[in-house]
């Protein structure tokens, strides 16, 4: 299944993000995104949900910020 914006609906993208951040039902306690400057992970991926930027773009930007720290 493709996760590209062009291949998904907004509802599917919301589900993709929800499932990927679920951590097996444990929530985001072990994610570390907040502590590493990512902030709220759902906010971080809002552009993907809204169809503005692909997940790969968001992840690349996040990684670039980590390298610059």
PDB file of N, CA and C in Angstrom:
ATOM      1  N   UNK A   1       0.839  -1.183   0.000  1.00  0.00           N
ATOM      2  CA  UNK A   1       0.000   0.000   0.000  1.00  0.00           C
ATOM      3  C   UNK A   1       0.887   1.251   0.000  1.00  0.00           C
ATOM      4  N   UNK A   2       0.615   2.147  -0.884  1.00  0.00           N
ATOM      5  CA  UNK A   2       1.356   3.396  -0.967  1.00  0.00           C
ATOM      6  C   UNK A   2       0.883   4.360   0.115  1.00  0.00           C
ATOM      7  N   UNK A   3       1.819   5.100   0.694  1.00  0.00           N
ATOM      8  CA  UNK A   3       1.450   6.120   1.670  1.00  0.00           C
ATOM      9  C   UNK A   3       1.623   7.525   1.096  1.00  0.00           C
ATOM     10  N   UNK A   4       1.883   7.606  -0.205  1.00  0.00           N
ATOM     11  CA  UNK A   4       2.048   8.911  -0.846  1.00  0.00           C
ATOM     12  C   UNK A   4       0.736   9.681  -0.808  1.00  0.00           C
ATOM     13  N   UNK A   5       0.843  10.989  -0.733  1.00  0.00           N
ATOM     14  CA  UNK A   5      -0.330  11.852  -0.684  1.00  0.00           C
ATOM     15  C   UNK A   5      -1.248  11.595  -1.869  1.00  0.00           C
ATOM     16  N   UNK A   6      -0.672  11.444  -3.052  1.00  0.00           N
ATOM     17  CA  UNK A   6      -1.490  11.270  -4.253  1.00  0.00           C
ATOM     18  C   UNK A   6      -2.292   9.969  -4.244  1.00  0.00           C
ATOM     19  N   UNK A   7      -1.870   9.022  -3.406  1.00  0.00           N
ATOM     20  CA  UNK A   7      -2.515   7.703  -3.358  1.00  0.00           C
ATOM     21  C   UNK A   7      -3.414   7.510  -2.139  1.00  0.00           C
ATOM     22  N   UNK A   8      -3.564   8.544  -1.321  1.00  0.00           N
ATOM     23  CA  UNK A   8      -4.322   8.402  -0.078  1.00  0.00           C
ATOM     24  C   UNK A   8      -5.314   9.539   0.104  1.00  0.00           C
ATOM     25  N   UNK A   9      -6.323   9.265   0.899  1.00  0.00           N
ATOM     26  CA  UNK A   9      -7.267  10.312   1.299  1.00  0.00           C
ATOM     27  C   UNK A   9      -6.790  10.903   2.620  1.00  0.00           C
ATOM     28  N   UNK A  10      -7.350  12.018   3.003  1.00  0.00           N
ATOM     29  CA  UNK A  10      -7.001  12.627   4.284  1.00  0.00           C
ATOM     30  C   UNK A  10      -7.261  11.635   5.420  1.00  0.00           C
ATOM     31  N   UNK A  11      -8.387  10.966   5.366  1.00  0.00           N
ATOM     32  CA  UNK A  11      -8.736  10.003   6.412  1.00  0.00           C
ATOM     33  C   UNK A  11      -7.709   8.872   6.479  1.00  0.00           C
ATOM     34  N   UNK A  12      -7.264   8.388   5.339  1.00  0.00           N
ATOM     35  CA  UNK A  12      -6.240   7.340   5.317  1.00  0.00           C
ATOM     36  C   UNK A  12      -4.921   7.857   5.896  1.00  0.00           C
ATOM     37  N   UNK A  13      -4.567   9.100   5.568  1.00  0.00           N
ATOM     38  CA  UNK A  13      -3.320   9.673   6.100  1.00  0.00           C
ATOM     39  C   UNK A  13      -3.394   9.831   7.615  1.00  0.00           C
ATOM     40  N   UNK A  14      -4.538  10.247   8.126  1.00  0.00           N
ATOM     41  CA  UNK A  14      -4.707  10.339   9.581  1.00  0.00           C
ATOM     42  C   UNK A  14      -4.507   8.973  10.226  1.00  0.00           C
ATOM     43  N   UNK A  15      -5.065   7.944   9.609  1.00  0.00           N
ATOM     44  CA  UNK A  15      -4.934   6.580  10.131  1.00  0.00           C
ATOM     45  C   UNK A  15      -3.487   6.101  10.055  1.00  0.00           C
ATOM     46  N   UNK A  16      -2.801   6.410   8.975  1.00  0.00           N
ATOM     47  CA  UNK A  16      -1.390   6.032   8.821  1.00  0.00           C
ATOM     48  C   UNK A  16      -0.562   6.639   9.952  1.00  0.00           C
ATOM     49  N   UNK A  17      -0.757   7.905  10.223  1.00  0.00           N
ATOM     50  CA  UNK A  17      -0.007   8.575  11.293  1.00  0.00           C
ATOM     51  C   UNK A  17      -0.404   8.014  12.651  1.00  0.00           C
ATOM     52  N   UNK A  18      -1.686   7.835  12.883  1.00  0.00           N
ATOM     53  CA  UNK A  18      -2.143   7.299  14.159  1.00  0.00           C
ATOM     54  C   UNK A  18      -1.539   5.923  14.413  1.00  0.00           C
ATOM     55  N   UNK A  19      -1.582   5.050  13.406  1.00  0.00           N
ATOM     56  CA  UNK A  19      -1.031   3.702  13.561  1.00  0.00           C
ATOM     57  C   UNK A  19       0.483   3.720  13.743  1.00  0.00           C
ATOM     58  N   UNK A  20       1.159   4.584  13.016  1.00  0.00           N
ATOM     59  CA  UNK A  20       2.619   4.603  13.091  1.00  0.00           C
ATOM     60  C   UNK A  20       3.132   5.184  14.409  1.00  0.00           C
ATOM     61  N   UNK A  21       2.325   5.997  15.064  1.00  0.00           N
ATOM     62  CA  UNK A  21       2.741   6.603  16.328  1.00  0.00           C
ATOM     63  C   UNK A  21       2.151   5.893  17.533  1.00  0.00           C
ATOM     64  N   UNK A  22       1.444   4.817  17.314  1.00  0.00           N
ATOM     65  CA  UNK A  22       0.738   4.121  18.386  1.00  0.00           C
ATOM     66  C   UNK A  22       1.671   3.378  19.333  1.00  0.00           C
ATOM     67  N   UNK A  23       2.779   2.889  18.870  1.00  0.00           N
ATOM     68  CA  UNK A  23       3.750   2.146  19.690  1.00  0.00           C
ATOM     69  C   UNK A  23       3.109   0.963  20.396  1.00  0.00           C
ATOM     70  N   UNK A  24       2.235   0.247  19.709  1.00  0.00           N
ATOM     71  CA  UNK A  24       1.632  -0.942  20.282  1.00  0.00           C
ATOM     72  C   UNK A  24       0.639  -0.669  21.385  1.00  0.00           C
ATOM     73  N   UNK A  25      -0.031   0.455  21.319  1.00  0.00           N
ATOM     74  CA  UNK A  25      -1.038   0.775  22.318  1.00  0.00           C
ATOM     75  C   UNK A  25      -0.496   1.546  23.501  1.00  0.00           C
ATOM     76  N   UNK A  26       0.802   1.771  23.525  1.00  0.00           N
ATOM     77  CA  UNK A  26       1.412   2.451  24.658  1.00  0.00           C
ATOM     78  C   UNK A  26       1.465   3.956  24.518  1.00  0.00           C
ATOM     79  N   UNK A  27       0.898   4.507  23.467  1.00  0.00           N
ATOM     80  CA  UNK A  27       0.974   5.938  23.263  1.00  0.00           C
ATOM     81  C   UNK A  27       2.351   6.350  22.802  1.00  0.00           C
ATOM     82  N   UNK A  28       2.727   7.587  23.057  1.00  0.00           N
ATOM     83  CA  UNK A  28       4.009   8.080  22.548  1.00  0.00           C
ATOM     84  C   UNK A  28       5.054   8.232  23.652  1.00  0.00           C
ATOM     85  N   UNK A  29       4.872   7.586  24.787  1.00  0.00           N
ATOM     86  CA  UNK A  29       5.826   7.736  25.887  1.00  0.00           C
ATOM     87  C   UNK A  29       7.259   7.429  25.476  1.00  0.00           C
ATOM     88  N   UNK A  30       7.440   6.477  24.578  1.00  0.00           N
ATOM     89  CA  UNK A  30       8.785   6.049  24.214  1.00  0.00           C
ATOM     90  C   UNK A  30       9.267   6.619  22.887  1.00  0.00           C
ATOM     91  N   UNK A  31       8.571   7.572  22.361  1.00  0.00           N
ATOM     92  CA  UNK A  31       8.866   8.109  21.037  1.00  0.00           C
ATOM     93  C   UNK A  31      10.125   8.983  21.032  1.00  0.00           C
ATOM     94  N   UNK A  32      10.314   9.822  22.025  1.00  0.00           N
ATOM     95  CA  UNK A  32      11.442  10.747  22.170  1.00  0.00           C
ATOM     96  C   UNK A  32      11.384  11.932  21.222  1.00  0.00           C
ATOM     97  N   UNK A  33      10.378  12.030  20.387  1.00  0.00           N
ATOM     98  CA  UNK A  33      10.296  13.153  19.447  1.00  0.00           C
ATOM     99  C   UNK A  33      10.245  14.485  20.188  1.00  0.00           C
ATOM    100  N   UNK A  34       9.472  14.556  21.250  1.00  0.00           N
ATOM    101  CA  UNK A  34       9.363  15.805  22.000  1.00  0.00           C
ATOM    102  C   UNK A  34      10.712  16.211  22.593  1.00  0.00           C
ATOM    103  N   UNK A  35      11.400  15.261  23.180  1.00  0.00           N
ATOM    104  CA  UNK A  35      12.689  15.540  23.803  1.00  0.00           C
ATOM    105  C   UNK A  35      13.784  15.873  22.814  1.00  0.00           C
ATOM    106  N   UNK A  36      13.617  15.467  21.576  1.00  0.00           N
ATOM    107  CA  UNK A  36      14.630  15.728  20.547  1.00  0.00           C
ATOM    108  C   UNK A  36      14.267  16.912  19.657  1.00  0.00           C
ATOM    109  N   UNK A  37      13.279  17.702  20.070  1.00  0.00           N
ATOM    110  CA  UNK A  37      12.926  18.897  19.324  1.00  0.00           C
ATOM    111  C   UNK A  37      11.858  18.691  18.278  1.00  0.00           C
ATOM    112  N   UNK A  38      11.271  17.516  18.228  1.00  0.00           N
ATOM    113  CA  UNK A  38      10.212  17.258  17.251  1.00  0.00           C
ATOM    114  C   UNK A  38       8.875  17.833  17.661  1.00  0.00           C
ATOM    115  N   UNK A  39       8.707  18.026  18.947  1.00  0.00           N
ATOM    116  CA  UNK A  39       7.434  18.506  19.448  1.00  0.00           C
ATOM    117  C   UNK A  39       6.385  17.420  19.377  1.00  0.00           C
ATOM    118  N   UNK A  40       5.136  17.803  19.472  1.00  0.00           N
ATOM    119  CA  UNK A  40       4.029  16.863  19.394  1.00  0.00           C
ATOM    120  C   UNK A  40       4.099  16.127  18.066  1.00  0.00           C
ATOM    121  N   UNK A  41       4.219  14.810  18.075  1.00  0.00           N
ATOM    122  CA  UNK A  41       4.377  14.082  16.811  1.00  0.00           C
ATOM    123  C   UNK A  41       3.190  14.242  15.869  1.00  0.00           C
ATOM    124  N   UNK A  42       1.995  14.403  16.415  1.00  0.00           N
ATOM    125  CA  UNK A  42       0.831  14.585  15.545  1.00  0.00           C
ATOM    126  C   UNK A  42       0.891  15.947  14.855  1.00  0.00           C
ATOM    127  N   UNK A  43       1.356  16.956  15.575  1.00  0.00           N
ATOM    128  CA  UNK A  43       1.538  18.280  14.980  1.00  0.00           C
ATOM    129  C   UNK A  43       2.643  18.237  13.933  1.00  0.00           C
ATOM    130  N   UNK A  44       3.695  17.491  14.234  1.00  0.00           N
ATOM    131  CA  UNK A  44       4.831  17.365  13.324  1.00  0.00           C
ATOM    132  C   UNK A  44       4.394  16.842  11.952  1.00  0.00           C
ATOM    133  N   UNK A  45       3.432  15.926  11.922  1.00  0.00           N
ATOM    134  CA  UNK A  45       2.977  15.312  10.670  1.00  0.00           C
ATOM    135  C   UNK A  45       1.685  15.922  10.122  1.00  0.00           C
ATOM    136  N   UNK A  46       1.275  17.058  10.660  1.00  0.00           N
ATOM    137  CA  UNK A  46       0.034  17.692  10.203  1.00  0.00           C
ATOM    138  C   UNK A  46       0.086  18.058   8.718  1.00  0.00           C
ATOM    139  N   UNK A  47       1.229  18.511   8.229  1.00  0.00           N
ATOM    140  CA  UNK A  47       1.343  18.839   6.796  1.00  0.00           C
ATOM    141  C   UNK A  47       1.083  17.609   5.922  1.00  0.00           C
ATOM    142  N   UNK A  48       1.520  16.446   6.379  1.00  0.00           N
ATOM    143  CA  UNK A  48       1.238  15.216   5.629  1.00  0.00           C
ATOM    144  C   UNK A  48      -0.255  14.930   5.649  1.00  0.00           C
ATOM    145  N   UNK A  49      -0.861  14.995   6.807  1.00  0.00           N
ATOM    146  CA  UNK A  49      -2.297  14.757   6.921  1.00  0.00           C
ATOM    147  C   UNK A  49      -3.060  15.724   6.033  1.00  0.00           C
ATOM    148  N   UNK A  50      -2.628  16.970   5.985  1.00  0.00           N
ATOM    149  CA  UNK A  50      -3.297  18.000   5.172  1.00  0.00           C
ATOM    150  C   UNK A  50      -2.971  17.898   3.689  1.00  0.00           C
ATOM    151  N   UNK A  51      -2.059  16.993   3.321  1.00  0.00           N
ATOM    152  CA  UNK A  51      -1.707  16.806   1.915  1.00  0.00           C
ATOM    153  C   UNK A  51      -0.728  17.827   1.370  1.00  0.00           C
ATOM    154  N   UNK A  52       0.047  18.457   2.240  1.00  0.00           N
ATOM    155  CA  UNK A  52       0.982  19.504   1.819  1.00  0.00           C
ATOM    156  C   UNK A  52       2.404  18.996   1.587  1.00  0.00           C
ATOM    157  N   UNK A  53       2.859  18.037   2.440  1.00  0.00           N
ATOM    158  CA  UNK A  53       4.226  17.511   2.323  1.00  0.00           C
ATOM    159  C   UNK A  53       4.210  16.019   2.624  1.00  0.00           C
ATOM    160  N   UNK A  54       5.071  15.289   1.938  1.00  0.00           N
ATOM    161  CA  UNK A  54       5.176  13.846   2.141  1.00  0.00           C
ATOM    162  C   UNK A  54       5.901  13.549   3.463  1.00  0.00           C
ATOM    163  N   UNK A  55       5.658  12.370   3.991  1.00  0.00           N
ATOM    164  CA  UNK A  55       6.318  11.936   5.222  1.00  0.00           C
ATOM    165  C   UNK A  55       7.835  12.004   5.072  1.00  0.00           C
ATOM    166  N   UNK A  56       8.344  11.581   3.940  1.00  0.00           N
ATOM    167  CA  UNK A  56       9.799  11.585   3.717  1.00  0.00           C
ATOM    168  C   UNK A  56      10.373  12.995   3.844  1.00  0.00           C
ATOM    169  N   UNK A  57       9.657  13.997   3.353  1.00  0.00           N
ATOM    170  CA  UNK A  57      10.125  15.389   3.457  1.00  0.00           C
ATOM    171  C   UNK A  57      10.167  15.836   4.915  1.00  0.00           C
ATOM    172  N   UNK A  58       9.124  15.499   5.656  1.00  0.00           N
ATOM    173  CA  UNK A  58       9.046  15.892   7.058  1.00  0.00           C
ATOM    174  C   UNK A  58      10.161  15.210   7.849  1.00  0.00           C
ATOM    175  N   UNK A  59      10.355  13.920   7.595  1.00  0.00           N
ATOM    176  CA  UNK A  59      11.409  13.183   8.294  1.00  0.00           C
ATOM    177  C   UNK A  59      12.797  13.720   7.958  1.00  0.00           C
ATOM    178  N   UNK A  60      13.026  14.068   6.703  1.00  0.00           N
ATOM    179  CA  UNK A  60      14.327  14.616   6.287  1.00  0.00           C
ATOM    180  C   UNK A  60      14.599  15.944   6.994  1.00  0.00           C
ATOM    181  N   UNK A  61      13.584  16.786   7.086  1.00  0.00           N
ATOM    182  CA  UNK A  61      13.748  18.071   7.775  1.00  0.00           C
ATOM    183  C   UNK A  61      14.059  17.845   9.252  1.00  0.00           C
ATOM    184  N   UNK A  62      13.365  16.920   9.869  1.00  0.00           N
ATOM    185  CA  UNK A  62      13.591  16.598  11.275  1.00  0.00           C
ATOM    186  C   UNK A  62      15.013  16.084  11.498  1.00  0.00           C
ATOM    187  N   UNK A  63      15.455  15.155  10.644  1.00  0.00           N
ATOM    188  CA  UNK A  63      16.822  14.621  10.766  1.00  0.00           C
ATOM    189  C   UNK A  63      17.862  15.720  10.586  1.00  0.00           C
ATOM    190  N   UNK A  64      17.624  16.623   9.644  1.00  0.00           N
ATOM    191  CA  UNK A  64      18.570  17.711   9.407  1.00  0.00           C
ATOM    192  C   UNK A  64      18.694  18.599  10.645  1.00  0.00           C
ATOM    193  N   UNK A  65      17.600  18.827  11.333  1.00  0.00           N
ATOM    194  CA  UNK A  65      17.657  19.637  12.566  1.00  0.00           C
ATOM    195  C   UNK A  65      18.450  18.910  13.638  1.00  0.00           C
ATOM    196  N   UNK A  66      18.329  17.583  13.704  1.00  0.00           N
ATOM    197  CA  UNK A  66      19.087  16.825  14.707  1.00  0.00           C
ATOM    198  C   UNK A  66      20.580  16.901  14.455  1.00  0.00           C
ATOM    199  N   UNK A  67      20.980  16.834  13.196  1.00  0.00           N
ATOM    200  CA  UNK A  67      22.394  16.881  12.828  1.00  0.00           C
ATOM    201  C   UNK A  67      22.995  18.238  13.175  1.00  0.00           C
ATOM    202  N   UNK A  68      22.204  19.286  13.049  1.00  0.00           N
ATOM    203  CA  UNK A  68      22.704  20.639  13.306  1.00  0.00           C
ATOM    204  C   UNK A  68      22.841  20.946  14.787  1.00  0.00           C
ATOM    205  N   UNK A  69      22.265  20.112  15.633  1.00  0.00           N
ATOM    206  CA  UNK A  69      22.318  20.381  17.094  1.00  0.00           C
ATOM    207  C   UNK A  69      23.680  20.245  17.633  1.00  0.00           C
TER     208      UNK A  69
END
